[in-house]
């Protein structure tokens, strides 16, 4: 009866072939019905695994740093310094954005001053106001 049932089943892809009593069994359901042997088929990979890695991520550049240097002439709205945290503080005629960017409020030349504030030395960026030497049309 078992041999007759085996002839009806088609060989399925990815199933192991088990040999019992010199004939091949292609479906494991027959074995569970007979309770002769409890064998479950294994499914092998059809493609070779590529492995995994913990690397492969990177963040976009933030373009931090000085945009204008000391002694350079700036106009209102020019960005002087982009920074993380308040490493440099705004002085005269300089504003600070919510991401700690320092920008010019008036025309002039950039200066840096170091002032002792309580226990630490603070660096202030300020603009020495000079009149415009050119006309905007």
Protein backbone atom coordinates (compact mmCIF):
# COMPACT_ATOMS: atom_id res chain seq x y z
CA UNK A 1 0.00 0.00 0.00
CA UNK A 2 2.86 2.35 0.82
CA UNK A 3 4.53 1.68 -2.55
CA UNK A 4 1.29 2.41 -4.41
CA UNK A 5 0.81 5.72 -2.52
CA UNK A 6 4.38 6.74 -3.32
CA UNK A 7 3.80 6.44 -7.04
CA UNK A 8 1.06 9.09 -6.87
CA UNK A 9 3.31 11.80 -5.36
CA UNK A 10 5.44 14.04 -7.50
CA UNK A 11 9.00 14.88 -6.46
CA UNK A 12 8.84 18.33 -4.87
CA UNK A 13 11.66 20.88 -5.18
CA UNK A 14 13.81 21.53 -2.07
CA UNK A 15 12.73 18.35 -0.23
CA UNK A 16 15.31 15.79 0.81
CA UNK A 17 14.93 12.22 -0.37
CA UNK A 18 14.81 9.61 2.41
CA UNK A 19 15.63 5.95 1.71
CA UNK A 20 13.75 3.35 3.75
CA UNK A 21 13.55 -0.35 2.82
CA UNK A 22 15.29 0.16 -0.57
CA UNK A 23 12.60 2.54 -1.96
CA UNK A 24 12.56 6.31 -1.85
CA UNK A 25 10.03 8.43 0.05
CA UNK A 26 9.41 11.91 -1.34
CA UNK A 27 6.64 13.13 0.96
CA UNK A 28 6.88 13.13 4.75
CA UNK A 29 3.08 12.99 5.27
CA UNK A 30 3.03 9.25 4.53
CA UNK A 31 5.52 8.61 7.33
CA UNK A 32 3.40 10.50 9.84
CA UNK A 33 0.32 8.48 8.89
CA UNK A 34 2.13 5.14 9.27
CA UNK A 35 3.94 6.23 12.51
CA UNK A 36 6.94 4.13 11.44
CA UNK A 37 9.56 6.85 11.68
CA UNK A 38 9.19 10.53 12.55
CA UNK A 39 11.31 12.24 9.90
CA UNK A 40 10.81 15.85 8.85
CA UNK A 41 12.38 17.09 5.62
CA UNK A 42 14.98 19.85 5.61
CA UNK A 43 14.84 22.72 3.20
CA UNK A 44 18.27 23.82 1.99
CA UNK A 45 19.13 27.27 0.67
CA UNK A 46 19.00 27.62 -3.08
CA UNK A 47 21.34 30.64 -3.06
CA UNK A 48 24.54 31.20 -1.14
CA UNK A 49 24.07 33.63 1.73
CA UNK A 50 25.85 36.96 1.33
CA UNK A 51 26.38 37.48 5.06
CA UNK A 52 25.59 40.62 7.02
CA UNK A 53 27.50 43.66 8.16
CA UNK A 54 27.07 46.27 10.88
CA UNK A 55 28.65 49.00 8.75
CA UNK A 56 27.38 50.71 5.62
CA UNK A 57 25.78 53.87 7.07
CA UNK A 58 27.02 57.43 6.91
CA UNK A 59 25.48 60.83 7.59
CA UNK A 60 25.43 63.77 5.24
CA UNK A 61 28.06 66.52 5.70
CA UNK A 62 26.96 69.48 7.85
CA UNK A 63 29.41 72.08 6.45
CA UNK A 64 30.30 73.58 9.83
CA UNK A 65 33.05 76.12 10.47
CA UNK A 66 34.06 79.67 9.61
CA UNK A 67 32.40 81.19 6.54
CA UNK A 68 34.04 84.62 6.96
CA UNK A 69 37.43 85.25 8.59
CA UNK A 70 38.74 87.88 11.00
CA UNK A 71 39.19 91.28 9.33
CA UNK A 72 36.89 90.45 6.44
CA UNK A 73 34.11 92.90 5.55
CA UNK A 74 30.54 91.58 6.00
CA UNK A 75 27.05 92.88 5.26
CA UNK A 76 23.86 92.31 7.30
CA UNK A 77 22.68 88.71 7.04
CA UNK A 78 26.05 87.20 6.12
CA UNK A 79 26.81 83.98 7.99
CA UNK A 80 30.06 84.28 9.90
CA UNK A 81 30.29 80.91 11.68
CA UNK A 82 28.31 77.67 11.75
CA UNK A 83 28.91 75.63 14.90
CA UNK A 84 27.49 72.97 17.20
CA UNK A 85 26.95 74.52 20.62
CA UNK A 86 28.09 78.00 21.58
CA UNK A 87 31.85 77.66 21.29
CA UNK A 88 31.90 81.27 20.09
CA UNK A 89 29.37 83.75 21.50
CA UNK A 90 27.81 86.71 19.69
CA UNK A 91 29.29 90.11 20.48
CA UNK A 92 28.38 93.56 19.16
CA UNK A 93 26.38 93.65 15.90
CA UNK A 94 26.29 89.83 15.71
CA UNK A 95 23.21 87.64 16.12
CA UNK A 96 22.88 83.95 16.98
CA UNK A 97 20.46 81.57 15.26
CA UNK A 98 18.72 78.71 17.02
CA UNK A 99 21.36 76.26 15.74
CA UNK A 100 24.11 78.55 17.19
CA UNK A 101 24.96 80.06 13.79
CA UNK A 102 26.54 83.50 14.13
CA UNK A 103 25.47 86.09 11.54
CA UNK A 104 26.07 89.79 10.90
CA UNK A 105 23.53 92.42 11.94
CA UNK A 106 25.41 95.45 10.52
CA UNK A 107 28.13 96.27 8.00
CA UNK A 108 31.70 96.12 9.23
CA UNK A 109 34.79 94.04 9.87
CA UNK A 110 34.90 90.90 12.02
CA UNK A 111 36.79 90.86 15.32
CA UNK A 112 37.29 88.18 17.98
CA UNK A 113 37.70 88.99 21.67
CA UNK A 114 38.47 86.62 24.54
CA UNK A 115 36.85 87.66 27.84
CA UNK A 116 37.09 85.84 31.17
CA UNK A 117 33.56 85.06 32.31
CA UNK A 118 33.38 83.63 35.86
CA UNK A 119 35.72 80.63 35.73
CA UNK A 120 36.07 80.19 31.99
CA UNK A 121 37.41 82.09 29.00
CA UNK A 122 34.68 82.99 26.52
CA UNK A 123 35.33 83.95 22.92
CA UNK A 124 33.09 86.64 21.44
CA UNK A 125 32.73 87.40 17.74
CA UNK A 126 31.81 91.02 17.07
CA UNK A 127 31.64 93.39 14.14
CA UNK A 128 33.32 96.78 14.19
CA UNK A 129 30.85 98.96 12.31
CA UNK A 130 32.27 100.80 9.29
CA UNK A 131 30.23 102.82 6.77
CA UNK A 132 29.58 101.36 3.36
CA UNK A 133 32.21 102.13 0.77
CA UNK A 134 29.95 101.21 -2.14
CA UNK A 135 26.47 102.00 -3.41
CA UNK A 136 23.77 99.33 -3.88
CA UNK A 137 21.65 99.95 -6.99
